[in-house]
Structure formats: C-alpha cells, structure tokens
N, C-alpha and C. Protein backbone atom coordinates (compact mmCIF):
# COMPACT_ATOMS: atom_id res chain seq x y z
N MET A 1 110.18 109.74 123.44
CA MET A 1 109.22 108.68 122.60
C MET A 1 110.18 107.54 121.88
N LYS A 2 109.62 106.75 121.97
CA LYS A 2 110.91 105.38 121.85
C LYS A 2 111.37 105.66 120.48
N GLN A 3 112.39 105.37 119.95
CA GLN A 3 112.88 105.33 118.54
C GLN A 3 111.86 104.54 117.67
N LYS A 4 111.19 103.49 118.09
CA LYS A 4 110.77 102.53 117.24
C LYS A 4 109.34 103.17 116.96
N ASP A 5 108.62 104.00 118.03
CA ASP A 5 107.35 104.73 117.92
C ASP A 5 107.76 105.88 116.96
N LEU A 6 108.72 106.44 117.04
CA LEU A 6 109.05 107.48 116.25
C LEU A 6 109.23 107.17 114.63
N TYR A 7 109.82 105.94 114.52
CA TYR A 7 109.97 105.28 112.81
C TYR A 7 108.73 105.25 112.56
N ASN A 8 107.84 104.55 113.39
CA ASN A 8 106.31 104.16 113.19
C ASN A 8 105.72 105.77 112.50
N GLN A 9 105.90 106.70 113.45
CA GLN A 9 105.27 107.99 112.86
C GLN A 9 105.63 108.85 111.43
N PHE A 10 106.96 108.31 111.30
CA PHE A 10 107.90 108.38 110.17
C PHE A 10 106.70 107.59 108.93
N GLU A 11 106.62 106.42 109.23
CA GLU A 11 105.79 105.71 108.10
C GLU A 11 104.30 106.03 108.34
N GLU A 12 103.96 106.51 108.78
CA GLU A 12 102.74 107.20 108.89
C GLU A 12 102.46 108.30 107.80
N LEU A 13 103.87 109.13 108.13
CA LEU A 13 103.62 110.48 107.44
C LEU A 13 103.97 110.36 106.04
N SER A 14 104.92 108.95 105.63
CA SER A 14 105.41 108.92 104.40
C SER A 14 103.59 108.46 103.72
N GLU A 15 102.94 107.79 104.23
CA GLU A 15 101.66 107.46 103.65
C GLU A 15 100.47 108.42 103.30
N LYS A 16 100.72 109.54 104.32
CA LYS A 16 100.07 111.11 104.00
C LYS A 16 100.62 111.76 103.01
N LEU A 17 101.58 111.50 102.51
CA LEU A 17 102.27 112.07 101.22
C LEU A 17 102.81 111.38 99.95
N GLY A 18 102.25 110.07 100.33
CA GLY A 18 102.02 109.28 99.04
C GLY A 18 103.29 108.77 98.71
N ILE A 19 104.05 108.60 99.73
CA ILE A 19 105.73 108.04 99.48
C ILE A 19 105.98 106.73 100.03
N ARG A 20 106.59 106.11 99.27
CA ARG A 20 106.90 104.45 99.98
C ARG A 20 108.27 104.48 100.91
N ILE A 21 108.31 103.64 101.70
CA ILE A 21 109.23 103.48 102.30
C ILE A 21 109.85 102.03 102.25
N VAL A 22 110.93 101.68 101.28
CA VAL A 22 111.24 100.56 101.20
C VAL A 22 112.28 100.13 101.99
N LYS A 23 112.37 98.87 102.42
CA LYS A 23 113.23 98.54 103.62
C LYS A 23 114.07 97.44 102.83
N GLY A 24 115.29 97.52 102.93
CA GLY A 24 116.35 96.60 102.50
C GLY A 24 117.53 96.78 103.04
N LYS A 25 118.23 95.68 102.84
CA LYS A 25 119.89 95.28 103.58
C LYS A 25 121.02 95.61 102.24
N GLY A 26 121.96 96.17 102.77
CA GLY A 26 123.18 96.31 101.89
C GLY A 26 123.94 97.29 102.29
N ASP A 27 124.64 97.39 101.40
CA ASP A 27 126.27 98.51 101.67
C ASP A 27 125.46 99.89 101.13
N PHE A 28 124.50 100.50 101.51
CA PHE A 28 124.31 101.56 101.01
C PHE A 28 123.77 102.55 102.41
N ILE A 29 123.63 103.87 102.20
CA ILE A 29 123.19 104.74 103.03
C ILE A 29 121.59 104.84 103.52
N GLY A 30 120.95 105.04 102.57
CA GLY A 30 119.68 105.47 102.31
C GLY A 30 119.07 106.61 101.82
N GLY A 31 118.00 106.85 101.74
CA GLY A 31 117.53 108.01 101.44
C GLY A 31 116.69 108.07 100.27
N GLU A 32 116.22 109.44 99.69
CA GLU A 32 115.19 109.23 98.77
C GLU A 32 115.83 109.15 97.33
N CYS A 33 115.10 108.45 96.34
CA CYS A 33 115.36 108.03 94.85
C CYS A 33 113.99 108.18 94.21
N THR A 34 113.70 108.17 92.89
CA THR A 34 112.90 107.79 92.20
C THR A 34 113.03 106.23 91.53
N LEU A 35 112.15 105.45 91.67
CA LEU A 35 111.95 104.25 90.84
C LEU A 35 110.66 103.79 90.27
N ASN A 36 110.81 103.90 89.05
CA ASN A 36 109.81 103.95 88.07
C ASN A 36 108.72 105.04 88.28
N ASN A 37 109.28 106.17 88.20
CA ASN A 37 108.65 107.28 88.07
C ASN A 37 107.83 107.49 89.81
N GLU A 38 108.18 106.86 90.66
CA GLU A 38 107.49 106.94 91.54
C GLU A 38 108.86 107.27 92.84
N LYS A 39 108.27 108.25 93.37
CA LYS A 39 109.15 108.83 94.88
C LYS A 39 109.39 107.61 95.88
N VAL A 40 110.43 107.12 96.41
CA VAL A 40 110.32 106.36 97.71
C VAL A 40 111.74 106.48 98.42
N ILE A 41 111.39 106.04 99.57
CA ILE A 41 112.59 106.21 100.57
C ILE A 41 113.30 104.95 101.07
N VAL A 42 114.45 104.88 100.38
CA VAL A 42 115.25 103.44 100.54
C VAL A 42 115.57 103.40 102.35
N ASP A 43 115.36 102.84 102.90
CA ASP A 43 115.91 102.56 104.04
C ASP A 43 116.69 101.13 104.36
N ASN A 44 117.90 101.31 104.89
CA ASN A 44 118.61 100.48 105.10
C ASN A 44 118.56 99.81 107.06
N LYS A 45 117.91 98.08 106.77
CA LYS A 45 117.53 98.06 108.06
C LYS A 45 119.13 97.22 108.59
N LEU A 46 120.04 97.49 108.05
CA LEU A 46 121.34 97.18 108.58
C LEU A 46 121.96 98.27 109.56
N LYS A 47 121.51 99.45 109.28
CA LYS A 47 122.06 100.57 109.67
C LYS A 47 121.58 100.52 111.45
N PRO A 48 121.86 101.62 112.09
CA PRO A 48 121.44 101.54 113.63
C PRO A 48 120.14 102.25 113.36
N MET A 49 119.55 102.22 114.31
CA MET A 49 117.93 103.19 114.25
C MET A 49 118.10 104.60 114.05
N GLU A 50 119.35 104.96 114.77
CA GLU A 50 119.36 106.41 114.78
C GLU A 50 120.03 107.37 113.72
N HIS A 51 120.63 106.45 112.64
CA HIS A 51 120.98 106.51 111.65
C HIS A 51 119.78 106.59 110.46
N ARG A 52 118.85 105.44 110.53
CA ARG A 52 117.83 105.47 109.79
C ARG A 52 117.02 106.69 109.99
N LEU A 53 116.56 107.05 111.13
CA LEU A 53 115.77 108.12 111.77
C LEU A 53 116.42 109.19 111.19
N LYS A 54 117.60 109.45 111.46
CA LYS A 54 118.62 110.70 110.72
C LYS A 54 117.88 110.93 109.37
N ILE A 55 118.18 109.58 108.32
CA ILE A 55 118.07 109.69 106.99
C ILE A 55 116.30 110.05 107.07
N LEU A 56 115.28 109.66 107.54
CA LEU A 56 114.13 109.86 107.58
C LEU A 56 113.75 111.55 107.67
N ALA A 57 114.54 111.89 108.67
CA ALA A 57 114.23 113.34 109.11
C ALA A 57 114.83 114.35 107.72
N ILE A 58 115.68 114.02 107.43
CA ILE A 58 116.46 114.96 106.45
C ILE A 58 115.66 114.85 105.03
N THR A 59 115.11 113.67 105.03
CA THR A 59 114.50 113.69 103.74
C THR A 59 113.04 114.09 103.76
N PHE A 60 112.48 114.34 104.73
CA PHE A 60 111.12 114.76 104.96
C PHE A 60 111.43 116.34 105.40
N MET A 61 112.38 116.72 105.75
CA MET A 61 112.45 118.35 105.88
C MET A 61 112.61 118.67 104.56
N GLN A 62 112.66 117.97 103.25
CA GLN A 62 112.82 118.72 102.29
C GLN A 62 111.10 119.04 101.79
N TYR A 63 110.17 118.39 102.54
CA TYR A 63 108.68 118.41 101.94
C TYR A 63 107.95 119.63 102.80
N ASN A 64 107.03 120.39 102.30
CA ASN A 64 106.21 121.55 102.81
C ASN A 64 105.27 120.73 103.74
N LEU A 65 105.34 120.47 104.97
CA LEU A 65 104.49 119.99 105.80
C LEU A 65 103.49 120.66 106.55
N ASP A 66 103.45 122.12 106.45
CA ASP A 66 102.43 122.83 106.81
C ASP A 66 101.20 122.48 106.73
N ASN A 67 100.61 122.04 105.79
CA ASN A 67 99.29 121.61 105.54
C ASN A 67 99.14 120.33 106.05
N ILE A 68 99.71 119.72 106.96
CA ILE A 68 99.35 117.95 107.00
C ILE A 68 99.86 117.96 108.47
N TYR A 69 99.16 117.07 109.01
CA TYR A 69 99.18 117.25 110.48
C TYR A 69 100.37 116.20 110.68
N VAL A 70 101.33 116.94 111.57
CA VAL A 70 102.34 115.82 111.96
C VAL A 70 102.47 115.85 113.56
N MET A 71 102.33 114.44 113.81
CA MET A 71 102.84 114.90 115.82
C MET A 71 103.72 115.67 116.24
N PRO A 72 103.47 116.73 117.11
CA PRO A 72 104.15 117.28 117.61
C PRO A 72 105.69 116.97 117.62
N TYR A 73 106.14 115.87 118.41
CA TYR A 73 107.11 115.28 118.53
C TYR A 73 107.87 115.04 117.22
N LEU A 74 107.44 114.62 116.42
CA LEU A 74 108.17 114.08 115.05
C LEU A 74 108.32 115.26 114.37
N ARG A 75 107.42 116.77 114.40
CA ARG A 75 107.69 117.64 113.73
C ARG A 75 109.08 118.12 114.42
N SER A 76 109.09 118.23 115.67
CA SER A 76 110.15 118.85 116.37
C SER A 76 111.42 118.27 115.95
N PHE A 77 111.14 116.41 115.95
CA PHE A 77 112.34 116.09 115.32
C PHE A 77 112.91 116.35 114.27
N ILE A 78 112.03 116.54 113.23
CA ILE A 78 112.41 117.24 111.88
C ILE A 78 112.95 118.64 111.80
N GLU A 79 112.47 119.06 112.20
CA GLU A 79 113.04 120.60 112.52
C GLU A 79 114.33 120.72 113.09
N ASN A 80 114.69 119.74 114.04
CA ASN A 80 115.82 119.96 114.97
C ASN A 80 117.15 119.47 113.56
N PHE A 81 116.75 118.72 112.75
CA PHE A 81 117.80 118.70 111.68
C PHE A 81 117.63 119.82 110.85
N ARG A 82 116.21 120.65 110.44
CA ARG A 82 116.63 121.88 109.82
C ARG A 82 117.32 122.82 110.26
N SER A 83 117.68 123.00 111.42
CA SER A 83 118.30 123.79 112.17
C SER A 83 119.80 123.68 112.06
N LEU A 84 120.21 122.42 111.72
CA LEU A 84 121.42 122.01 111.54
C LEU A 84 122.14 122.44 110.23
N ASP A 85 121.10 122.82 109.29
CA ASP A 85 121.22 123.53 107.87
C ASP A 85 122.17 122.23 107.23
N LEU A 86 121.78 120.84 106.99
CA LEU A 86 122.53 119.64 106.65
C LEU A 86 122.58 120.22 105.08
C-alpha cells in the first residue's frame, strides 16, 4: 500500500473515532493533544511521510480498536509499532 493511501486510511480511522487530524507546518513533532476539550492529532506537514505515519500509528495504538473495523494492512501497521514497545 502506498504511503498516501495508508495516510488516508488513518484519516478514515480518525473519523470513526471522532478524532480530528489538524495539519500544520512548524517546528514541532506532532502527536495527540487536547484543544478546547477536544482530542486532536497534530500532523506536521513539513515532516517526511514516514515520520507522519509513525506518529499516527503510535497515537492510534493507544486506542482500543478491537470493536472497530480497521483495514488489515492498517491494523498490521499499527501493531508493528506496538511490538516495538515504544
């Protein structure tokens, strides 16, 4: 699966969970934060796509995805980061 397709799958997953992905540019890593009592994932568009996907995987592995349909490739991608025990 292409990186852009994988990123799109993360966007769909965030919609299912009711989490907004905010895209920005700047001197920051990215990740989950709370903004006005709403959980958001901040995505740094200046970072390489590999980094952006890693941040999304690490963020989503914190959620219980057992009862949510996640494309098998995306679930595997997230689980690979869980096995790294970050």
